[in-house]
N, C-alpha and C. Protein backbone atom coordinates (compact mmCIF):
# COMPACT_ATOMS: atom_id res chain seq x y z
N MET A 1 -53.43 -11.66 78.21
CA MET A 1 -53.63 -11.02 76.93
C MET A 1 -52.36 -10.30 76.47
N THR A 2 -51.76 -9.53 77.39
CA THR A 2 -50.53 -8.81 77.04
C THR A 2 -49.42 -9.78 76.69
N ALA A 3 -49.31 -10.87 77.43
CA ALA A 3 -48.26 -11.85 77.15
C ALA A 3 -48.44 -12.45 75.76
N VAL A 4 -49.67 -12.72 75.37
CA VAL A 4 -49.94 -13.27 74.04
C VAL A 4 -49.55 -12.25 72.98
N PHE A 5 -49.92 -10.98 73.20
CA PHE A 5 -49.57 -9.93 72.26
C PHE A 5 -48.06 -9.82 72.11
N LEU A 6 -47.34 -9.83 73.23
CA LEU A 6 -45.88 -9.69 73.19
C LEU A 6 -45.25 -10.86 72.47
N ARG A 7 -45.72 -12.08 72.75
CA ARG A 7 -45.19 -13.24 72.04
C ARG A 7 -45.44 -13.11 70.55
N SER A 8 -46.63 -12.68 70.19
CA SER A 8 -46.97 -12.50 68.78
C SER A 8 -46.09 -11.44 68.15
N LEU A 9 -45.87 -10.35 68.87
CA LEU A 9 -45.03 -9.27 68.36
C LEU A 9 -43.59 -9.75 68.16
N CYS A 10 -43.08 -10.54 69.11
CA CYS A 10 -41.72 -11.06 69.00
C CYS A 10 -41.59 -12.00 67.80
N ILE A 11 -42.65 -12.71 67.50
CA ILE A 11 -42.63 -13.64 66.36
C ILE A 11 -42.82 -12.88 65.06
N LEU A 12 -43.73 -11.91 65.06
CA LEU A 12 -44.08 -11.21 63.83
C LEU A 12 -43.09 -10.12 63.44
N ALA A 13 -42.47 -9.48 64.41
CA ALA A 13 -41.59 -8.35 64.09
C ALA A 13 -40.52 -8.70 63.07
N PRO A 14 -39.76 -9.81 63.24
CA PRO A 14 -38.75 -10.09 62.23
C PRO A 14 -39.35 -10.44 60.88
N LEU A 15 -40.53 -11.04 60.87
CA LEU A 15 -41.18 -11.35 59.61
C LEU A 15 -41.61 -10.08 58.90
N LEU A 16 -42.15 -9.14 59.66
CA LEU A 16 -42.56 -7.87 59.09
C LEU A 16 -41.36 -7.11 58.55
N VAL A 17 -40.30 -7.09 59.33
CA VAL A 17 -39.09 -6.38 58.93
C VAL A 17 -38.50 -7.01 57.66
N SER A 18 -38.46 -8.33 57.60
CA SER A 18 -37.84 -8.99 56.46
C SER A 18 -38.67 -8.85 55.19
N THR A 19 -39.96 -8.53 55.30
CA THR A 19 -40.78 -8.38 54.11
C THR A 19 -40.78 -6.95 53.59
N LEU A 20 -40.13 -6.05 54.29
CA LEU A 20 -40.10 -4.66 53.88
C LEU A 20 -38.78 -4.33 53.20
N PRO A 21 -38.76 -4.27 51.89
CA PRO A 21 -37.52 -3.87 51.23
C PRO A 21 -37.26 -2.39 51.45
N ALA A 22 -36.35 -2.13 52.38
CA ALA A 22 -35.96 -0.76 52.74
C ALA A 22 -37.17 0.10 53.11
N ALA A 23 -38.10 -0.49 53.80
CA ALA A 23 -39.30 0.20 54.30
C ALA A 23 -40.17 0.76 53.17
N ALA A 24 -40.04 0.20 51.96
CA ALA A 24 -40.78 0.72 50.82
C ALA A 24 -42.28 0.53 50.96
N GLN A 25 -42.71 -0.44 51.75
CA GLN A 25 -44.13 -0.71 51.86
C GLN A 25 -44.82 0.13 52.93
N VAL A 26 -44.08 0.93 53.65
CA VAL A 26 -44.66 1.79 54.68
C VAL A 26 -44.67 3.21 54.13
N ASN A 27 -45.85 3.84 54.18
CA ASN A 27 -45.93 5.19 53.61
C ASN A 27 -45.33 6.22 54.56
N ALA A 28 -45.14 7.40 54.04
CA ALA A 28 -44.48 8.47 54.80
C ALA A 28 -45.27 8.83 56.06
N ALA A 29 -46.59 8.80 55.98
CA ALA A 29 -47.40 9.14 57.15
C ALA A 29 -47.20 8.12 58.27
N SER A 30 -47.12 6.85 57.91
CA SER A 30 -46.89 5.80 58.91
C SER A 30 -45.50 5.95 59.53
N GLN A 31 -44.52 6.27 58.70
CA GLN A 31 -43.17 6.45 59.22
C GLN A 31 -43.12 7.64 60.19
N GLN A 32 -43.80 8.73 59.84
CA GLN A 32 -43.82 9.90 60.71
C GLN A 32 -44.54 9.58 62.01
N ALA A 33 -45.67 8.90 61.92
CA ALA A 33 -46.41 8.51 63.13
C ALA A 33 -45.55 7.61 64.01
N SER A 34 -44.81 6.72 63.39
CA SER A 34 -43.93 5.82 64.13
C SER A 34 -42.84 6.59 64.85
N ARG A 35 -42.25 7.59 64.18
CA ARG A 35 -41.21 8.40 64.82
C ARG A 35 -41.77 9.17 66.02
N VAL A 36 -42.97 9.73 65.87
CA VAL A 36 -43.59 10.49 66.96
C VAL A 36 -43.87 9.56 68.14
N LEU A 37 -44.45 8.40 67.86
CA LEU A 37 -44.74 7.42 68.92
C LEU A 37 -43.45 6.97 69.60
N ALA A 38 -42.41 6.72 68.82
CA ALA A 38 -41.12 6.30 69.40
C ALA A 38 -40.56 7.39 70.30
N ASP A 39 -40.62 8.65 69.86
CA ASP A 39 -40.13 9.75 70.69
C ASP A 39 -40.89 9.82 72.01
N LYS A 40 -42.20 9.65 71.94
CA LYS A 40 -43.01 9.67 73.16
C LYS A 40 -42.66 8.47 74.05
N GLY A 41 -42.44 7.32 73.44
CA GLY A 41 -42.05 6.13 74.20
C GLY A 41 -40.71 6.30 74.88
N ILE A 42 -39.76 6.89 74.19
CA ILE A 42 -38.43 7.14 74.75
C ILE A 42 -38.54 8.11 75.93
N ALA A 43 -39.36 9.14 75.77
CA ALA A 43 -39.57 10.11 76.86
C ALA A 43 -40.21 9.42 78.07
N ALA A 44 -41.18 8.56 77.81
CA ALA A 44 -41.84 7.84 78.91
C ALA A 44 -40.85 6.92 79.61
N LEU A 45 -39.98 6.29 78.86
CA LEU A 45 -38.95 5.42 79.45
C LEU A 45 -38.01 6.25 80.32
N ALA A 46 -37.62 7.42 79.83
CA ALA A 46 -36.74 8.30 80.60
C ALA A 46 -37.43 8.81 81.87
N ASP A 47 -38.75 8.97 81.81
CA ASP A 47 -39.51 9.43 82.98
C ASP A 47 -39.84 8.31 83.95
N GLY A 48 -39.46 7.09 83.61
CA GLY A 48 -39.72 5.95 84.49
C GLY A 48 -41.10 5.33 84.32
N ASP A 49 -41.83 5.74 83.30
CA ASP A 49 -43.17 5.19 83.04
C ASP A 49 -43.03 4.02 82.05
N ALA A 50 -42.57 2.89 82.57
CA ALA A 50 -42.23 1.74 81.74
C ALA A 50 -43.42 1.18 80.98
N ILE A 51 -44.56 1.11 81.60
CA ILE A 51 -45.74 0.53 80.96
C ILE A 51 -46.17 1.38 79.76
N ARG A 52 -46.23 2.68 79.96
CA ARG A 52 -46.59 3.59 78.86
C ARG A 52 -45.52 3.54 77.76
N ALA A 53 -44.27 3.50 78.17
CA ALA A 53 -43.16 3.43 77.20
C ALA A 53 -43.31 2.20 76.31
N ARG A 54 -43.53 1.06 76.93
CA ARG A 54 -43.66 -0.18 76.15
C ARG A 54 -44.81 -0.07 75.16
N ARG A 55 -45.96 0.42 75.62
CA ARG A 55 -47.13 0.53 74.75
C ARG A 55 -46.85 1.45 73.56
N LEU A 56 -46.25 2.60 73.82
CA LEU A 56 -45.95 3.56 72.75
C LEU A 56 -44.92 2.99 71.76
N LEU A 57 -43.91 2.32 72.28
CA LEU A 57 -42.90 1.74 71.39
C LEU A 57 -43.48 0.61 70.55
N GLU A 58 -44.36 -0.18 71.14
CA GLU A 58 -45.03 -1.23 70.37
C GLU A 58 -45.89 -0.63 69.27
N GLU A 59 -46.61 0.45 69.59
CA GLU A 59 -47.42 1.14 68.58
C GLU A 59 -46.53 1.71 67.47
N ALA A 60 -45.36 2.21 67.84
CA ALA A 60 -44.43 2.73 66.83
C ALA A 60 -44.01 1.63 65.86
N ILE A 61 -43.78 0.45 66.39
CA ILE A 61 -43.35 -0.67 65.55
C ILE A 61 -44.50 -1.16 64.67
N VAL A 62 -45.71 -1.11 65.19
CA VAL A 62 -46.86 -1.49 64.36
C VAL A 62 -47.00 -0.50 63.20
N ALA A 63 -46.81 0.79 63.46
CA ALA A 63 -46.91 1.80 62.41
C ALA A 63 -45.80 1.65 61.38
N ASP A 64 -44.61 1.27 61.83
CA ASP A 64 -43.47 1.08 60.92
C ASP A 64 -42.56 0.00 61.49
N PRO A 65 -42.74 -1.24 61.04
CA PRO A 65 -41.93 -2.34 61.57
C PRO A 65 -40.43 -2.20 61.31
N ALA A 66 -40.05 -1.27 60.44
CA ALA A 66 -38.63 -1.05 60.16
C ALA A 66 -38.07 0.15 60.91
N ASN A 67 -38.71 0.56 61.99
CA ASN A 67 -38.22 1.67 62.80
C ASN A 67 -37.18 1.10 63.76
N ALA A 68 -35.92 1.15 63.33
CA ALA A 68 -34.83 0.55 64.12
C ALA A 68 -34.69 1.21 65.49
N ARG A 69 -34.93 2.49 65.55
CA ARG A 69 -34.81 3.20 66.84
C ARG A 69 -35.86 2.69 67.83
N ALA A 70 -37.10 2.52 67.37
CA ALA A 70 -38.16 2.01 68.24
C ALA A 70 -37.85 0.57 68.66
N LEU A 71 -37.35 -0.24 67.74
CA LEU A 71 -36.98 -1.62 68.08
C LEU A 71 -35.90 -1.64 69.14
N ALA A 72 -34.88 -0.78 68.97
CA ALA A 72 -33.79 -0.73 69.94
C ALA A 72 -34.28 -0.25 71.30
N GLN A 73 -35.18 0.73 71.31
CA GLN A 73 -35.69 1.24 72.58
C GLN A 73 -36.59 0.21 73.27
N LEU A 74 -37.30 -0.57 72.49
CA LEU A 74 -38.09 -1.64 73.09
C LEU A 74 -37.14 -2.68 73.70
N GLY A 75 -36.02 -2.92 73.04
CA GLY A 75 -34.99 -3.78 73.63
C GLY A 75 -34.48 -3.20 74.94
N ARG A 76 -34.28 -1.90 74.96
CA ARG A 76 -33.83 -1.23 76.18
C ARG A 76 -34.87 -1.38 77.29
N TYR A 77 -36.14 -1.27 76.93
CA TYR A 77 -37.20 -1.47 77.92
C TYR A 77 -37.09 -2.87 78.52
N TYR A 78 -36.99 -3.88 77.66
CA TYR A 78 -36.94 -5.26 78.18
C TYR A 78 -35.66 -5.51 78.97
N GLN A 79 -34.58 -4.86 78.58
CA GLN A 79 -33.35 -4.98 79.34
C GLN A 79 -33.56 -4.40 80.75
N SER A 80 -34.27 -3.29 80.84
CA SER A 80 -34.54 -2.68 82.15
C SER A 80 -35.46 -3.54 83.00
N GLN A 81 -36.21 -4.43 82.37
CA GLN A 81 -37.11 -5.33 83.08
C GLN A 81 -36.46 -6.69 83.34
N ASN A 82 -35.15 -6.78 83.10
CA ASN A 82 -34.38 -8.02 83.27
C ASN A 82 -34.90 -9.17 82.42
N GLN A 83 -35.45 -8.84 81.27
CA GLN A 83 -35.89 -9.84 80.31
C GLN A 83 -34.88 -9.84 79.16
N ARG A 84 -33.71 -10.37 79.47
CA ARG A 84 -32.56 -10.27 78.57
C ARG A 84 -32.78 -10.95 77.23
N ASP A 85 -33.43 -12.10 77.22
CA ASP A 85 -33.64 -12.80 75.95
C ASP A 85 -34.52 -11.99 75.01
N VAL A 86 -35.57 -11.41 75.56
CA VAL A 86 -36.46 -10.59 74.74
C VAL A 86 -35.71 -9.33 74.29
N ALA A 87 -34.97 -8.72 75.20
CA ALA A 87 -34.18 -7.53 74.87
C ALA A 87 -33.21 -7.85 73.73
N ARG A 88 -32.53 -8.97 73.84
CA ARG A 88 -31.56 -9.36 72.81
C ARG A 88 -32.24 -9.49 71.44
N ARG A 89 -33.45 -10.06 71.43
CA ARG A 89 -34.19 -10.21 70.15
C ARG A 89 -34.48 -8.85 69.54
N TYR A 90 -34.94 -7.90 70.37
CA TYR A 90 -35.25 -6.59 69.81
C TYR A 90 -34.00 -5.86 69.34
N PHE A 91 -32.89 -6.01 70.05
CA PHE A 91 -31.64 -5.42 69.58
C PHE A 91 -31.25 -6.04 68.24
N ARG A 92 -31.41 -7.36 68.13
CA ARG A 92 -31.08 -8.05 66.87
C ARG A 92 -31.99 -7.56 65.75
N PHE A 93 -33.31 -7.41 66.02
CA PHE A 93 -34.22 -6.91 64.99
C PHE A 93 -33.78 -5.52 64.54
N ALA A 94 -33.45 -4.66 65.50
CA ALA A 94 -33.03 -3.30 65.17
C ALA A 94 -31.78 -3.31 64.29
N LEU A 95 -30.83 -4.18 64.63
CA LEU A 95 -29.57 -4.25 63.87
C LEU A 95 -29.77 -4.89 62.50
N GLU A 96 -30.80 -5.71 62.34
CA GLU A 96 -31.11 -6.24 61.02
C GLU A 96 -31.64 -5.13 60.11
N VAL A 97 -32.39 -4.21 60.69
CA VAL A 97 -32.93 -3.08 59.93
C VAL A 97 -31.85 -2.04 59.68
N GLU A 98 -31.11 -1.72 60.73
CA GLU A 98 -30.06 -0.68 60.67
C GLU A 98 -28.85 -1.18 61.44
N PRO A 99 -27.86 -1.74 60.73
CA PRO A 99 -26.70 -2.36 61.39
C PRO A 99 -25.87 -1.44 62.27
N THR A 100 -26.07 -0.13 62.14
CA THR A 100 -25.28 0.81 62.94
C THR A 100 -26.14 1.57 63.95
N GLU A 101 -27.31 1.06 64.29
CA GLU A 101 -28.22 1.72 65.26
C GLU A 101 -27.50 1.79 66.60
N PRO A 102 -27.15 3.00 67.06
CA PRO A 102 -26.32 3.15 68.26
C PRO A 102 -26.89 2.53 69.53
N ASP A 103 -28.18 2.72 69.78
CA ASP A 103 -28.76 2.17 71.01
C ASP A 103 -28.81 0.64 70.97
N ALA A 104 -29.03 0.08 69.79
CA ALA A 104 -29.03 -1.38 69.66
C ALA A 104 -27.62 -1.93 69.86
N LEU A 105 -26.61 -1.25 69.31
CA LEU A 105 -25.23 -1.70 69.51
C LEU A 105 -24.83 -1.61 70.98
N LEU A 106 -25.22 -0.53 71.64
CA LEU A 106 -24.92 -0.37 73.06
C LEU A 106 -25.62 -1.45 73.88
N GLY A 107 -26.91 -1.62 73.67
CA GLY A 107 -27.67 -2.61 74.44
C GLY A 107 -27.16 -4.01 74.23
N ALA A 108 -26.92 -4.36 72.96
CA ALA A 108 -26.40 -5.70 72.67
C ALA A 108 -25.01 -5.88 73.26
N GLY A 109 -24.19 -4.81 73.21
CA GLY A 109 -22.85 -4.88 73.80
C GLY A 109 -22.89 -5.09 75.30
N ARG A 110 -23.82 -4.42 75.96
CA ARG A 110 -23.97 -4.62 77.42
C ARG A 110 -24.40 -6.05 77.73
N LEU A 111 -25.31 -6.58 76.93
CA LEU A 111 -25.72 -7.98 77.13
C LEU A 111 -24.56 -8.93 76.87
N ASP A 112 -23.76 -8.63 75.84
CA ASP A 112 -22.58 -9.45 75.56
C ASP A 112 -21.66 -9.47 76.77
N LEU A 113 -21.41 -8.32 77.35
CA LEU A 113 -20.54 -8.25 78.52
C LEU A 113 -21.11 -9.03 79.69
N ALA A 114 -22.41 -8.92 79.90
CA ALA A 114 -23.04 -9.65 80.99
C ALA A 114 -22.94 -11.17 80.78
N ASP A 115 -22.86 -11.58 79.51
CA ASP A 115 -22.74 -13.00 79.18
C ASP A 115 -21.28 -13.44 79.07
N GLY A 116 -20.34 -12.55 79.40
CA GLY A 116 -18.92 -12.89 79.33
C GLY A 116 -18.36 -12.92 77.91
N LYS A 117 -19.02 -12.23 76.99
CA LYS A 117 -18.60 -12.22 75.58
C LYS A 117 -17.95 -10.87 75.25
N ALA A 118 -16.82 -10.63 75.87
CA ALA A 118 -16.14 -9.34 75.70
C ALA A 118 -15.71 -9.10 74.25
N ASP A 119 -15.31 -10.14 73.54
CA ASP A 119 -14.89 -9.95 72.14
C ASP A 119 -16.04 -9.45 71.28
N GLU A 120 -17.24 -9.97 71.51
CA GLU A 120 -18.40 -9.50 70.75
C GLU A 120 -18.73 -8.06 71.11
N ALA A 121 -18.62 -7.72 72.39
CA ALA A 121 -18.85 -6.34 72.81
C ALA A 121 -17.81 -5.41 72.18
N LYS A 122 -16.56 -5.86 72.09
CA LYS A 122 -15.51 -5.05 71.45
C LYS A 122 -15.81 -4.83 69.98
N ASP A 123 -16.35 -5.85 69.30
CA ASP A 123 -16.73 -5.68 67.89
C ASP A 123 -17.82 -4.63 67.75
N ARG A 124 -18.77 -4.64 68.67
CA ARG A 124 -19.84 -3.63 68.63
C ARG A 124 -19.27 -2.24 68.89
N LEU A 125 -18.31 -2.15 69.81
CA LEU A 125 -17.67 -0.87 70.09
C LEU A 125 -16.90 -0.37 68.87
N ARG A 126 -16.19 -1.26 68.18
CA ARG A 126 -15.48 -0.86 66.96
C ARG A 126 -16.44 -0.25 65.94
N LEU A 127 -17.59 -0.90 65.76
CA LEU A 127 -18.58 -0.39 64.82
C LEU A 127 -19.13 0.96 65.27
N LEU A 128 -19.38 1.10 66.55
CA LEU A 128 -19.82 2.40 67.07
C LEU A 128 -18.77 3.47 66.82
N ARG A 129 -17.52 3.15 67.06
CA ARG A 129 -16.45 4.14 66.84
C ARG A 129 -16.35 4.54 65.38
N LEU A 130 -16.59 3.61 64.47
CA LEU A 130 -16.54 3.91 63.04
C LEU A 130 -17.70 4.77 62.58
N THR A 131 -18.86 4.54 63.14
CA THR A 131 -20.07 5.20 62.65
C THR A 131 -20.54 6.36 63.51
N CYS A 132 -20.09 6.40 64.75
CA CYS A 132 -20.62 7.42 65.67
C CYS A 132 -19.62 7.66 66.80
N ALA A 133 -18.44 8.09 66.43
CA ALA A 133 -17.34 8.20 67.38
C ALA A 133 -17.65 9.09 68.58
N THR A 134 -18.46 10.12 68.38
CA THR A 134 -18.74 11.06 69.47
C THR A 134 -20.07 10.80 70.18
N CYS A 135 -20.73 9.72 69.82
CA CYS A 135 -22.03 9.40 70.44
C CYS A 135 -21.84 8.96 71.89
N SER A 136 -22.84 9.26 72.69
CA SER A 136 -22.80 8.83 74.09
C SER A 136 -22.78 7.31 74.20
N GLN A 137 -23.40 6.62 73.25
CA GLN A 137 -23.42 5.15 73.28
C GLN A 137 -22.00 4.59 73.15
N THR A 138 -21.18 5.24 72.34
CA THR A 138 -19.79 4.81 72.16
C THR A 138 -19.04 4.96 73.48
N THR A 139 -19.20 6.11 74.11
CA THR A 139 -18.55 6.38 75.40
C THR A 139 -19.02 5.39 76.46
N GLU A 140 -20.32 5.13 76.50
CA GLU A 140 -20.88 4.22 77.51
C GLU A 140 -20.38 2.79 77.33
N LEU A 141 -20.34 2.32 76.09
CA LEU A 141 -19.87 0.94 75.88
C LEU A 141 -18.37 0.84 76.15
N ALA A 142 -17.61 1.86 75.79
CA ALA A 142 -16.18 1.86 76.09
C ALA A 142 -15.95 1.81 77.60
N ALA A 143 -16.72 2.59 78.35
CA ALA A 143 -16.59 2.59 79.81
C ALA A 143 -16.97 1.24 80.39
N ALA A 144 -18.03 0.64 79.87
CA ALA A 144 -18.44 -0.68 80.36
C ALA A 144 -17.37 -1.73 80.08
N LEU A 145 -16.77 -1.66 78.91
CA LEU A 145 -15.68 -2.59 78.58
C LEU A 145 -14.47 -2.36 79.47
N ASN A 146 -14.13 -1.11 79.72
CA ASN A 146 -12.98 -0.80 80.58
C ASN A 146 -13.20 -1.26 82.01
N SER A 147 -14.44 -1.17 82.48
CA SER A 147 -14.72 -1.58 83.85
C SER A 147 -14.69 -3.09 84.03
N THR A 148 -14.82 -3.83 82.95
CA THR A 148 -14.76 -5.29 83.03
C THR A 148 -13.42 -5.85 82.60
N SER A 149 -12.52 -4.97 82.21
CA SER A 149 -11.19 -5.40 81.77
C SER A 149 -10.41 -6.01 82.92
N PRO A 150 -9.72 -7.13 82.68
CA PRO A 150 -8.91 -7.76 83.74
C PRO A 150 -7.88 -6.82 84.35
N ALA A 151 -7.39 -5.86 83.57
CA ALA A 151 -6.41 -4.91 84.07
C ALA A 151 -7.02 -4.03 85.17
N ASN A 152 -8.33 -3.86 85.15
CA ASN A 152 -9.00 -3.05 86.17
C ASN A 152 -9.39 -3.84 87.40
N HIS A 153 -9.13 -5.15 87.37
CA HIS A 153 -9.49 -6.01 88.49
C HIS A 153 -8.28 -6.87 88.89
N PRO A 154 -7.35 -6.29 89.66
CA PRO A 154 -6.12 -7.05 90.00
C PRO A 154 -6.40 -8.25 90.87
């Protein structure tokens, strides 16, 4: 049942996002509920409660399919579960909604590095530096890029 729901969510999320012109179809109460659910999901993820985190983040997306932060955090959840393809999709959905979403840029950049796509990760880092120079995501992606640099591996 959960697998069917997740497949449906992966298929429906981009459709829902693409039909929302700047989230105009979601009312303020839904957006607020989505933010609260996303915050709880992020806290659950930080506490190591992956199952609860996933459920809360999915509920946040149902409440507001254009919640880029919740989409990015769901990508982070799937990345932590070694489901890279699903994680990549959620990072892409988040970046379609908000092209400068820091957690989505970081997560996608890490996946790029794991796939040997350093140039794509560098592009994501450039965007992070332009939009959020002091963010922890910028520092983390820069460190990940430096650790994979050929100069660091003689």
